[in-house]
Amino acid sequence: MPSRIVRFILFLLLAALPGALMAEQNSPPVRVLFVTQSKGFVHGSVRRVEELAPAEIAMTQLAQQSKEFRIDCTQDCEADFTPENLKNYDIVAFYTSGDLPISEEAMNYFFTEWLPEEGHGVLGFHSATDTFREEERYWDMIGGTFIHHPWTAGTQVTLTNHEPENPLVAPFGPEHTQQEEIYMYRHWQPEKVRVLMSLDYSKSPTKSAVNTQYGYHVPVCWIKNYGDGKVYVNNLGHREDTWTRQEYLDSILSAIRWIKGDIEVDATPNPELSQAQEAKAKRDFEAGQFRKQKQK
């Protein structure tokens, strides 16, 4: 008799297994709202016309190929960045500029409930830090505010990867070099972020004056916890060809997995690293200025 009971229970478990697997396979993927509205400088990587631009094409293809998320692109914050519509999304990605036409009701819901309490996520690309420059809730969330870019789009920059084993930046290797426009920031709060990559002054020639009013350290990629929410910011993305680089796309996909909870990543702030990078960047900058003076 016991053996019959065991066989019957085993039969029930096996019969339920395909349904459980099917339910897991059919679980809805993460939904991403990609906001590319510009109320300041309009980057070539975002739309000026009706067709999707390089950043939007890249993110749409990444969603289709990975099958790990669904994405909707919008340049209409008034219609789509609302409390009602945000409830449909797990992640909001910003490639924006200027003061976006978002209602106070939507801003309040986003910063007090959607992100910190409901545990959703934010992806910030390049000029996401050139958005809502005077809105403290925004720059406190995104991590910093653009002041200028002494490393212009045609500059060959070198980045130091502080955590080459971290899946969010592992695709870039211990050191990464490419042409890209790199920002400097104000409102930078190292005690609130974990810096993953920084600019290497000694290997990145500048094409315009460096504004050191707010410090020398130039973070390029960082993450932070925001209540129960998660934020990933990457300064790269000004150049259209950046959106075709596999290491950049792999980093974004890993960030989505982190926000989803599929991978564990330590987001503990590392202000001591920012402090060390500040000192190094200052030394490298002053050494570069000295070399320029000697050449004259």
C-alpha atoms as a PDB file:
ATOM      1  CA  MET A   1       0.000   0.000   0.000  1.00  0.00           C
ATOM      2  CA  PRO A   2       2.704   2.578   0.869  1.00  0.00           C
ATOM      3  CA  SER A   3       4.395   1.980  -2.473  1.00  0.00           C
ATOM      4  CA  ARG A   4       1.125   2.725  -4.273  1.00  0.00           C
ATOM      5  CA  ILE A   5       0.783   5.985  -2.365  1.00  0.00           C
ATOM      6  CA  VAL A   6       4.351   6.944  -3.218  1.00  0.00           C
ATOM      7  CA  ARG A   7       3.769   6.151  -6.902  1.00  0.00           C
ATOM      8  CA  PHE A   8       0.551   8.174  -6.885  1.00  0.00           C
ATOM      9  CA  ILE A   9       2.264  11.196  -5.307  1.00  0.00           C
ATOM     10  CA  LEU A  10       5.122  10.887  -7.801  1.00  0.00           C
ATOM     11  CA  PHE A  11       2.594  10.765 -10.631  1.00  0.00           C
ATOM     12  CA  LEU A  12       0.940  13.959  -9.393  1.00  0.00           C
ATOM     13  CA  LEU A  13       4.299  15.739  -9.104  1.00  0.00           C
ATOM     14  CA  LEU A  14       5.371  14.721 -12.594  1.00  0.00           C
ATOM     15  CA  ALA A  15       2.006  15.715 -14.029  1.00  0.00           C
ATOM     16  CA  ALA A  16       2.278  19.176 -12.466  1.00  0.00           C
ATOM     17  CA  LEU A  17       5.873  19.733 -13.567  1.00  0.00           C
ATOM     18  CA  PRO A  18       5.243  20.649 -17.241  1.00  0.00           C
ATOM     19  CA  GLY A  19       2.635  23.182 -16.179  1.00  0.00           C
ATOM     20  CA  ALA A  20       5.015  24.736 -13.674  1.00  0.00           C
ATOM     21  CA  LEU A  21       7.772  24.922 -16.265  1.00  0.00           C
ATOM     22  CA  MET A  22       5.379  26.415 -18.806  1.00  0.00           C
ATOM     23  CA  ALA A  23       4.224  29.014 -16.291  1.00  0.00           C
ATOM     24  CA  GLU A  24       7.853  29.961 -15.621  1.00  0.00           C
ATOM     25  CA  GLN A  25       8.611  30.183 -19.326  1.00  0.00           C
ATOM     26  CA  ASN A  26       5.510  32.281 -19.933  1.00  0.00           C
ATOM     27  CA  SER A  27       6.165  34.693 -17.068  1.00  0.00           C
ATOM     28  CA  PRO A  28       6.084  38.236 -18.450  1.00  0.00           C
ATOM     29  CA  PRO A  29       9.516  39.778 -19.031  1.00  0.00           C
ATOM     30  CA  VAL A  30      10.585  42.965 -17.301  1.00  0.00           C
ATOM     31  CA  ARG A  31       9.058  46.048 -18.904  1.00  0.00           C
ATOM     32  CA  VAL A  32      11.245  49.079 -19.610  1.00  0.00           C
ATOM     33  CA  LEU A  33      10.048  52.588 -20.447  1.00  0.00           C
ATOM     34  CA  PHE A  34      12.830  54.287 -22.431  1.00  0.00           C
ATOM     35  CA  VAL A  35      12.428  58.064 -22.186  1.00  0.00           C
ATOM     36  CA  THR A  36      14.351  59.964 -24.894  1.00  0.00           C
ATOM     37  CA  GLN A  37      12.676  63.357 -24.773  1.00  0.00           C
ATOM     38  CA  SER A  38      15.031  66.332 -25.049  1.00  0.00           C
ATOM     39  CA  LYS A  39      14.299  69.783 -23.656  1.00  0.00           C
ATOM     40  CA  GLY A  40      17.923  70.840 -23.941  1.00  0.00           C
ATOM     41  CA  PHE A  41      20.654  69.687 -26.304  1.00  0.00           C
ATOM     42  CA  VAL A  42      19.332  66.981 -28.656  1.00  0.00           C
ATOM     43  CA  HIS A  43      21.895  64.211 -29.084  1.00  0.00           C
ATOM     44  CA  GLY A  44      22.266  62.408 -32.379  1.00  0.00           C
ATOM     45  CA  SER A  45      21.680  59.105 -30.601  1.00  0.00           C
ATOM     46  CA  VAL A  46      18.092  60.095 -29.810  1.00  0.00           C
ATOM     47  CA  ARG A  47      15.203  60.952 -32.088  1.00  0.00           C
ATOM     48  CA  ARG A  48      14.814  64.196 -33.979  1.00  0.00           C
ATOM     49  CA  VAL A  49      12.204  62.675 -36.306  1.00  0.00           C
ATOM     50  CA  GLU A  50       9.638  59.886 -36.139  1.00  0.00           C
ATOM     51  CA  GLU A  51      12.037  57.020 -36.853  1.00  0.00           C
ATOM     52  CA  LEU A  52      13.814  55.354 -33.963  1.00  0.00           C
ATOM     53  CA  ALA A  53      17.339  56.667 -33.369  1.00  0.00           C
ATOM     54  CA  PRO A  54      20.499  54.594 -32.636  1.00  0.00           C
ATOM     55  CA  ALA A  55      19.962  54.384 -28.862  1.00  0.00           C
ATOM     56  CA  GLU A  56      16.348  53.309 -29.280  1.00  0.00           C
ATOM     57  CA  ILE A  57      17.181  50.808 -32.023  1.00  0.00           C
ATOM     58  CA  ALA A  58      19.971  49.333 -29.894  1.00  0.00           C
ATOM     59  CA  MET A  59      17.752  48.941 -26.831  1.00  0.00           C
ATOM     60  CA  THR A  60      14.885  47.506 -28.887  1.00  0.00           C
ATOM     61  CA  GLN A  61      17.203  44.955 -30.500  1.00  0.00           C
ATOM     62  CA  LEU A  62      18.712  44.091 -27.122  1.00  0.00           C
ATOM     63  CA  ALA A  63      15.218  43.372 -25.817  1.00  0.00           C
ATOM     64  CA  GLN A  64      14.340  41.237 -28.830  1.00  0.00           C
ATOM     65  CA  GLN A  65      17.590  39.274 -28.855  1.00  0.00           C
ATOM     66  CA  SER A  66      17.876  38.666 -25.116  1.00  0.00           C
ATOM     67  CA  LYS A  67      14.133  38.089 -24.595  1.00  0.00           C
ATOM     68  CA  GLU A  68      14.741  39.298 -21.037  1.00  0.00           C
ATOM     69  CA  PHE A  69      12.751  42.520 -21.208  1.00  0.00           C
ATOM     70  CA  ARG A  70      10.207  44.427 -23.264  1.00  0.00           C
ATOM     71  CA  ILE A  71      10.732  48.059 -24.112  1.00  0.00           C
ATOM     72  CA  ASP A  72       8.600  51.023 -25.083  1.00  0.00           C
ATOM     73  CA  CYS A  73      10.260  54.229 -26.311  1.00  0.00           C
ATOM     74  CA  THR A  74       8.659  57.593 -25.664  1.00  0.00           C
ATOM     75  CA  GLN A  75       9.343  61.257 -26.263  1.00  0.00           C
ATOM     76  CA  ASP A  76       6.088  62.335 -24.700  1.00  0.00           C
ATOM     77  CA  CYS A  77       6.464  62.621 -20.938  1.00  0.00           C
ATOM     78  CA  GLU A  78       3.152  64.414 -20.564  1.00  0.00           C
ATOM     79  CA  ALA A  79       1.316  61.401 -21.932  1.00  0.00           C
ATOM     80  CA  ASP A  80       3.515  58.517 -20.787  1.00  0.00           C
ATOM     81  CA  PHE A  81       5.312  59.577 -17.599  1.00  0.00           C
ATOM     82  CA  THR A  82       2.224  59.459 -15.401  1.00  0.00           C
ATOM     83  CA  PRO A  83       1.482  57.562 -12.182  1.00  0.00           C
ATOM     84  CA  GLU A  84      -0.993  55.359 -14.031  1.00  0.00           C
ATOM     85  CA  ASN A  85       1.417  54.442 -16.820  1.00  0.00           C
ATOM     86  CA  LEU A  86       4.467  54.012 -14.585  1.00  0.00           C
ATOM     87  CA  LYS A  87       2.617  51.198 -12.823  1.00  0.00           C
ATOM     88  CA  ASN A  88       3.048  49.193 -16.035  1.00  0.00           C
ATOM     89  CA  TYR A  89       6.862  49.318 -15.882  1.00  0.00           C
ATOM     90  CA  ASP A  90       9.662  47.830 -13.804  1.00  0.00           C
ATOM     91  CA  ILE A  91      12.444  50.082 -15.131  1.00  0.00           C
ATOM     92  CA  VAL A  92      12.617  53.619 -16.489  1.00  0.00           C
ATOM     93  CA  ALA A  93      15.627  54.397 -18.701  1.00  0.00           C
ATOM     94  CA  PHE A  94      16.600  58.032 -19.277  1.00  0.00           C
ATOM     95  CA  TYR A  95      18.483  59.403 -22.281  1.00  0.00           C
ATOM     96  CA  THR A  96      17.112  62.905 -21.849  1.00  0.00           C
ATOM     97  CA  SER A  97      18.095  66.539 -21.369  1.00  0.00           C
ATOM     98  CA  GLY A  98      16.654  69.673 -19.848  1.00  0.00           C
ATOM     99  CA  ASP A  99      13.523  70.087 -17.746  1.00  0.00           C
ATOM    100  CA  LEU A 100      11.074  67.468 -18.931  1.00  0.00           C
ATOM    101  CA  PRO A 101       7.314  68.191 -18.958  1.00  0.00           C
ATOM    102  CA  ILE A 102       6.490  65.861 -16.064  1.00  0.00           C
ATOM    103  CA  SER A 103       3.693  66.790 -13.691  1.00  0.00           C
ATOM    104  CA  GLU A 104       4.348  67.287  -9.990  1.00  0.00           C
ATOM    105  CA  GLU A 105       1.968  64.404  -9.280  1.00  0.00           C
ATOM    106  CA  ALA A 106       4.069  62.078 -11.437  1.00  0.00           C
ATOM    107  CA  MET A 107       7.354  63.363  -9.992  1.00  0.00           C
ATOM    108  CA  ASN A 108       6.120  62.852  -6.463  1.00  0.00           C
ATOM    109  CA  TYR A 109       4.900  59.312  -7.184  1.00  0.00           C
ATOM    110  CA  PHE A 110       8.141  58.418  -8.978  1.00  0.00           C
ATOM    111  CA  PHE A 111      10.485  59.665  -6.244  1.00  0.00           C
ATOM    112  CA  THR A 112       8.488  58.675  -3.157  1.00  0.00           C
ATOM    113  CA  GLU A 113       6.724  55.454  -4.176  1.00  0.00           C
ATOM    114  CA  TRP A 114       7.571  53.931  -7.566  1.00  0.00           C
ATOM    115  CA  LEU A 115      11.352  53.820  -7.106  1.00  0.00           C
ATOM    116  CA  PRO A 116      12.104  53.701  -3.357  1.00  0.00           C
ATOM    117  CA  GLU A 117       9.059  51.831  -2.049  1.00  0.00           C
ATOM    118  CA  GLU A 118       7.941  49.613  -4.929  1.00  0.00           C
ATOM    119  CA  GLY A 119      11.532  48.627  -5.619  1.00  0.00           C
ATOM    120  CA  HIS A 120      11.810  49.400  -9.325  1.00  0.00           C
ATOM    121  CA  GLY A 121      14.889  50.547 -11.204  1.00  0.00           C
ATOM    122  CA  VAL A 122      16.439  53.366 -13.227  1.00  0.00           C
ATOM    123  CA  LEU A 123      18.958  53.280 -16.062  1.00  0.00           C
ATOM    124  CA  GLY A 124      20.666  56.591 -16.825  1.00  0.00           C
ATOM    125  CA  PHE A 125      22.594  57.051 -20.066  1.00  0.00           C
ATOM    126  CA  HIS A 126      24.953  59.949 -20.858  1.00  0.00           C
ATOM    127  CA  SER A 127      22.822  63.119 -20.742  1.00  0.00           C
ATOM    128  CA  ALA A 128      20.498  61.670 -18.118  1.00  0.00           C
ATOM    129  CA  THR A 129      22.768  63.741 -15.869  1.00  0.00           C
ATOM    130  CA  ASP A 130      22.019  66.831 -17.993  1.00  0.00           C
ATOM    131  CA  THR A 131      18.346  66.571 -17.025  1.00  0.00           C
ATOM    132  CA  PHE A 132      16.504  68.518 -14.299  1.00  0.00           C
ATOM    133  CA  ARG A 133      19.732  70.286 -13.290  1.00  0.00           C
ATOM    134  CA  GLU A 134      18.052  72.275 -10.509  1.00  0.00           C
ATOM    135  CA  GLU A 135      15.663  69.533  -9.321  1.00  0.00           C
ATOM    136  CA  GLU A 136      17.227  68.104  -6.163  1.00  0.00           C
ATOM    137  CA  ARG A 137      15.048  65.005  -6.130  1.00  0.00           C
ATOM    138  CA  TYR A 138      16.338  64.119  -9.580  1.00  0.00           C
ATOM    139  CA  TRP A 139      20.062  64.831  -9.165  1.00  0.00           C
ATOM    140  CA  ASP A 140      20.051  63.172  -5.770  1.00  0.00           C
ATOM    141  CA  MET A 141      18.637  60.073  -7.444  1.00  0.00           C
ATOM    142  CA  ILE A 142      20.763  60.060 -10.622  1.00  0.00           C
ATOM    143  CA  GLY A 143      24.000  60.899  -8.778  1.00  0.00           C
ATOM    144  CA  GLY A 144      25.328  64.115 -10.306  1.00  0.00           C
ATOM    145  CA  THR A 145      24.673  67.106 -12.561  1.00  0.00           C
ATOM    146  CA  PHE A 146      26.538  67.863 -15.795  1.00  0.00           C
ATOM    147  CA  ILE A 147      28.715  71.001 -15.824  1.00  0.00           C
ATOM    148  CA  HIS A 148      30.754  70.532 -19.008  1.00  0.00           C
ATOM    149  CA  HIS A 149      32.637  67.983 -21.155  1.00  0.00           C
ATOM    150  CA  PRO A 150      36.337  68.742 -21.574  1.00  0.00           C
ATOM    151  CA  TRP A 151      36.671  65.325 -23.237  1.00  0.00           C
ATOM    152  CA  THR A 152      34.739  65.824 -26.452  1.00  0.00           C
ATOM    153  CA  ALA A 153      33.209  63.189 -28.717  1.00  0.00           C
ATOM    154  CA  GLY A 154      36.356  62.781 -30.805  1.00  0.00           C
ATOM    155  CA  THR A 155      38.656  62.303 -27.825  1.00  0.00           C
ATOM    156  CA  GLN A 156      40.235  58.894 -27.255  1.00  0.00           C
ATOM    157  CA  VAL A 157      39.587  58.368 -23.562  1.00  0.00           C
ATOM    158  CA  THR A 158      40.814  55.647 -21.241  1.00  0.00           C
ATOM    159  CA  LEU A 159      38.679  54.410 -18.375  1.00  0.00           C
ATOM    160  CA  THR A 160      39.812  52.536 -15.280  1.00  0.00           C
ATOM    161  CA  ASN A 161      37.545  49.662 -14.279  1.00  0.00           C
ATOM    162  CA  HIS A 162      37.597  49.498 -10.489  1.00  0.00           C
ATOM    163  CA  GLU A 163      35.736  46.171 -10.352  1.00  0.00           C
ATOM    164  CA  PRO A 164      36.654  44.132 -13.430  1.00  0.00           C
ATOM    165  CA  GLU A 165      34.938  41.052 -11.950  1.00  0.00           C
ATOM    166  CA  ASN A 166      31.663  42.898 -11.407  1.00  0.00           C
ATOM    167  CA  PRO A 167      29.195  41.667 -14.084  1.00  0.00           C
ATOM    168  CA  LEU A 168      27.935  45.224 -14.645  1.00  0.00           C
ATOM    169  CA  VAL A 169      31.332  46.393 -15.913  1.00  0.00           C
ATOM    170  CA  ALA A 170      33.204  43.145 -16.583  1.00  0.00           C
ATOM    171  CA  PRO A 171      32.603  43.521 -20.362  1.00  0.00           C
ATOM    172  CA  PHE A 172      34.904  46.581 -20.379  1.00  0.00           C
ATOM    173  CA  GLY A 173      37.912  44.704 -19.003  1.00  0.00           C
ATOM    174  CA  PRO A 174      40.352  46.192 -16.435  1.00  0.00           C
ATOM    175  CA  GLU A 175      40.941  49.179 -18.728  1.00  0.00           C
ATOM    176  CA  HIS A 176      38.768  50.444 -21.553  1.00  0.00           C
ATOM    177  CA  THR A 177      39.631  52.860 -24.368  1.00  0.00           C
ATOM    178  CA  GLN A 178      37.330  54.407 -26.957  1.00  0.00           C
ATOM    179  CA  GLN A 179      36.322  57.758 -28.463  1.00  0.00           C
ATOM    180  CA  GLU A 180      33.594  59.325 -26.360  1.00  0.00           C
ATOM    181  CA  GLU A 181      32.365  62.541 -24.770  1.00  0.00           C
ATOM    182  CA  ILE A 182      32.904  62.494 -20.999  1.00  0.00           C
ATOM    183  CA  TYR A 183      31.140  64.734 -18.482  1.00  0.00           C
ATOM    184  CA  MET A 184      32.261  66.406 -15.289  1.00  0.00           C
ATOM    185  CA  TYR A 185      29.709  66.905 -12.502  1.00  0.00           C
ATOM    186  CA  ARG A 186      28.494  68.971  -9.602  1.00  0.00           C
ATOM    187  CA  HIS A 187      26.135  67.677  -6.897  1.00  0.00           C
ATOM    188  CA  TRP A 188      28.363  64.610  -6.774  1.00  0.00           C
ATOM    189  CA  GLN A 189      27.773  62.684  -3.525  1.00  0.00           C
ATOM    190  CA  PRO A 190      30.359  59.894  -3.220  1.00  0.00           C
ATOM    191  CA  GLU A 191      28.869  58.747   0.072  1.00  0.00           C
ATOM    192  CA  LYS A 192      25.724  57.658  -1.791  1.00  0.00           C
ATOM    193  CA  VAL A 193      27.132  55.825  -4.826  1.00  0.00           C
ATOM    194  CA  ARG A 194      29.367  52.919  -5.736  1.00  0.00           C
ATOM    195  CA  VAL A 195      31.751  54.009  -8.491  1.00  0.00           C
ATOM    196  CA  LEU A 196      32.572  51.237 -10.956  1.00  0.00           C
ATOM    197  CA  MET A 197      34.592  53.103 -13.621  1.00  0.00           C
ATOM    198  CA  SER A 198      36.455  56.420 -13.742  1.00  0.00           C
ATOM    199  CA  LEU A 199      38.328  58.453 -16.320  1.00  0.00           C
ATOM    200  CA  ASP A 200      42.120  58.086 -16.329  1.00  0.00           C
ATOM    201  CA  TYR A 201      43.480  61.642 -16.739  1.00  0.00           C
ATOM    202  CA  SER A 202      46.974  60.443 -17.534  1.00  0.00           C
ATOM    203  CA  LYS A 203      45.762  58.579 -20.643  1.00  0.00           C
ATOM    204  CA  SER A 204      42.905  60.861 -21.760  1.00  0.00           C
ATOM    205  CA  PRO A 205      44.030  64.111 -23.429  1.00  0.00           C
ATOM    206  CA  THR A 206      41.621  67.009 -23.109  1.00  0.00           C
ATOM    207  CA  LYS A 207      40.441  69.187 -25.997  1.00  0.00           C
ATOM    208  CA  SER A 208      39.012  71.971 -23.834  1.00  0.00           C
ATOM    209  CA  ALA A 209      39.725  73.479 -20.408  1.00  0.00           C
ATOM    210  CA  VAL A 210      39.003  71.312 -17.372  1.00  0.00           C
ATOM    211  CA  ASN A 211      36.705  72.908 -14.788  1.00  0.00           C
ATOM    212  CA  THR A 212      38.001  71.687 -11.432  1.00  0.00           C
ATOM    213  CA  GLN A 213      35.647  73.877  -9.382  1.00  0.00           C
ATOM    214  CA  TYR A 214      33.749  70.798  -8.217  1.00  0.00           C
ATOM    215  CA  GLY A 215      36.714  68.442  -8.048  1.00  0.00           C
ATOM    216  CA  TYR A 216      39.010  66.459 -10.319  1.00  0.00           C
ATOM    217  CA  HIS A 217      37.610  62.936 -10.101  1.00  0.00           C
ATOM    218  CA  VAL A 218      35.520  61.991 -13.145  1.00  0.00           C
ATOM    219  CA  PRO A 219      33.262  58.998 -12.436  1.00  0.00           C
ATOM    220  CA  VAL A 220      31.952  57.334 -15.596  1.00  0.00           C
ATOM    221  CA  CYS A 221      29.790  54.466 -14.368  1.00  0.00           C
ATOM    222  CA  TRP A 222      28.190  54.022 -10.961  1.00  0.00           C
ATOM    223  CA  ILE A 223      25.323  52.315  -9.167  1.00  0.00           C
ATOM    224  CA  LYS A 224      23.332  53.022  -6.040  1.00  0.00           C
ATOM    225  CA  ASN A 225      20.451  51.762  -3.991  1.00  0.00           C
ATOM    226  CA  TYR A 226      17.566  54.206  -3.688  1.00  0.00           C
ATOM    227  CA  GLY A 227      15.393  52.861  -0.921  1.00  0.00           C
ATOM    228  CA  ASP A 228      14.300  49.479  -2.275  1.00  0.00           C
ATOM    229  CA  GLY A 229      15.024  50.682  -5.817  1.00  0.00           C
ATOM    230  CA  LYS A 230      18.227  50.408  -7.852  1.00  0.00           C
ATOM    231  CA  VAL A 231      19.972  52.947 -10.083  1.00  0.00           C
ATOM    232  CA  TYR A 232      22.623  52.335 -12.778  1.00  0.00           C
ATOM    233  CA  VAL A 233      24.264  55.287 -14.543  1.00  0.00           C
ATOM    234  CA  ASN A 234      26.728  55.183 -17.447  1.00  0.00           C
ATOM    235  CA  ASN A 235      28.184  58.373 -18.959  1.00  0.00           C
ATOM    236  CA  LEU A 236      28.923  56.593 -22.253  1.00  0.00           C
ATOM    237  CA  GLY A 237      26.431  56.884 -25.100  1.00  0.00           C
ATOM    238  CA  HIS A 238      27.012  60.290 -26.692  1.00  0.00           C
ATOM    239  CA  ARG A 239      28.434  58.770 -29.862  1.00  0.00           C
ATOM    240  CA  GLU A 240      26.064  56.805 -32.034  1.00  0.00           C
ATOM    241  CA  ASP A 241      28.634  54.045 -32.524  1.00  0.00           C
ATOM    242  CA  THR A 242      28.801  53.489 -28.756  1.00  0.00           C
ATOM    243  CA  TRP A 243      25.350  51.947 -29.075  1.00  0.00           C
ATOM    244  CA  THR A 244      26.794  49.294 -31.394  1.00  0.00           C
ATOM    245  CA  ARG A 245      29.595  48.290 -29.004  1.00  0.00           C
ATOM    246  CA  GLN A 246      29.005  44.865 -27.478  1.00  0.00           C
ATOM    247  CA  GLU A 247      30.649  45.719 -24.170  1.00  0.00           C
ATOM    248  CA  TYR A 248      28.260  48.643 -23.682  1.00  0.00           C
ATOM    249  CA  LEU A 249      25.182  46.568 -24.493  1.00  0.00           C
ATOM    250  CA  ASP A 250      26.370  43.695 -22.297  1.00  0.00           C
ATOM    251  CA  SER A 251      26.826  46.119 -19.406  1.00  0.00           C
ATOM    252  CA  ILE A 252      23.280  47.429 -19.842  1.00  0.00           C
ATOM    253  CA  LEU A 253      21.826  43.917 -19.976  1.00  0.00           C
ATOM    254  CA  SER A 254      23.681  42.994 -16.786  1.00  0.00           C
ATOM    255  CA  ALA A 255      22.291  46.138 -15.140  1.00  0.00           C
ATOM    256  CA  ILE A 256      18.776  45.039 -16.080  1.00  0.00           C
ATOM    257  CA  ARG A 257      19.451  41.606 -14.591  1.00  0.00           C
ATOM    258  CA  TRP A 258      20.703  43.259 -11.410  1.00  0.00           C
ATOM    259  CA  ILE A 259      17.588  45.403 -11.138  1.00  0.00           C
ATOM    260  CA  LYS A 260      15.429  42.323 -11.788  1.00  0.00           C
ATOM    261  CA  GLY A 261      17.217  40.495  -8.997  1.00  0.00           C
ATOM    262  CA  ASP A 262      18.656  37.812 -11.278  1.00  0.00           C
ATOM    263  CA  ILE A 263      22.227  38.614 -10.207  1.00  0.00           C
ATOM    264  CA  GLU A 264      23.665  39.930  -6.967  1.00  0.00           C
ATOM    265  CA  VAL A 265      25.867  43.025  -7.087  1.00  0.00           C
ATOM    266  CA  ASP A 266      27.258  44.936  -4.128  1.00  0.00           C
ATOM    267  CA  ALA A 267      25.989  48.520  -4.314  1.00  0.00           C
ATOM    268  CA  THR A 268      27.528  49.640  -1.025  1.00  0.00           C
ATOM    269  CA  PRO A 269      28.878  53.192  -1.487  1.00  0.00           C
ATOM    270  CA  ASN A 270      32.672  53.408  -1.827  1.00  0.00           C
ATOM    271  CA  PRO A 271      33.548  57.038  -0.971  1.00  0.00           C
ATOM    272  CA  GLU A 272      37.106  55.982  -0.129  1.00  0.00           C
ATOM    273  CA  LEU A 273      37.607  55.065  -3.793  1.00  0.00           C
ATOM    274  CA  SER A 274      36.296  58.477  -4.894  1.00  0.00           C
ATOM    275  CA  GLN A 275      38.669  60.109  -2.425  1.00  0.00           C
ATOM    276  CA  ALA A 276      41.640  58.165  -3.799  1.00  0.00           C
ATOM    277  CA  GLN A 277      40.584  58.904  -7.383  1.00  0.00           C
ATOM    278  CA  GLU A 278      40.247  62.595  -6.550  1.00  0.00           C
ATOM    279  CA  ALA A 279      43.849  62.707  -5.326  1.00  0.00           C
ATOM    280  CA  LYS A 280      45.144  60.714  -8.306  1.00  0.00           C
ATOM    281  CA  ALA A 281      43.208  62.788 -10.836  1.00  0.00           C
ATOM    282  CA  LYS A 282      44.557  66.004  -9.318  1.00  0.00           C
ATOM    283  CA  ARG A 283      48.136  64.723  -9.520  1.00  0.00           C
ATOM    284  CA  ASP A 284      47.656  63.550 -13.115  1.00  0.00           C
ATOM    285  CA  PHE A 285      46.025  66.843 -14.121  1.00  0.00           C
ATOM    286  CA  GLU A 286      48.777  68.963 -12.569  1.00  0.00           C
ATOM    287  CA  ALA A 287      51.454  66.772 -14.146  1.00  0.00           C
ATOM    288  CA  GLY A 288      49.775  67.246 -17.514  1.00  0.00           C
ATOM    289  CA  GLN A 289      49.647  71.008 -17.055  1.00  0.00           C
ATOM    290  CA  PHE A 290      53.339  71.003 -16.116  1.00  0.00           C
ATOM    291  CA  ARG A 291      54.229  69.050 -19.277  1.00  0.00           C
ATOM    292  CA  LYS A 292      52.275  71.540 -21.395  1.00  0.00           C
ATOM    293  CA  GLN A 293      54.144  74.439 -19.818  1.00  0.00           C
ATOM    294  CA  LYS A 294      57.512  72.807 -20.502  1.00  0.00           C
ATOM    295  CA  GLN A 295      56.552  72.202 -24.135  1.00  0.00           C
ATOM    296  CA  LYS A 296      55.869  75.934 -24.553  1.00  0.00           C
END
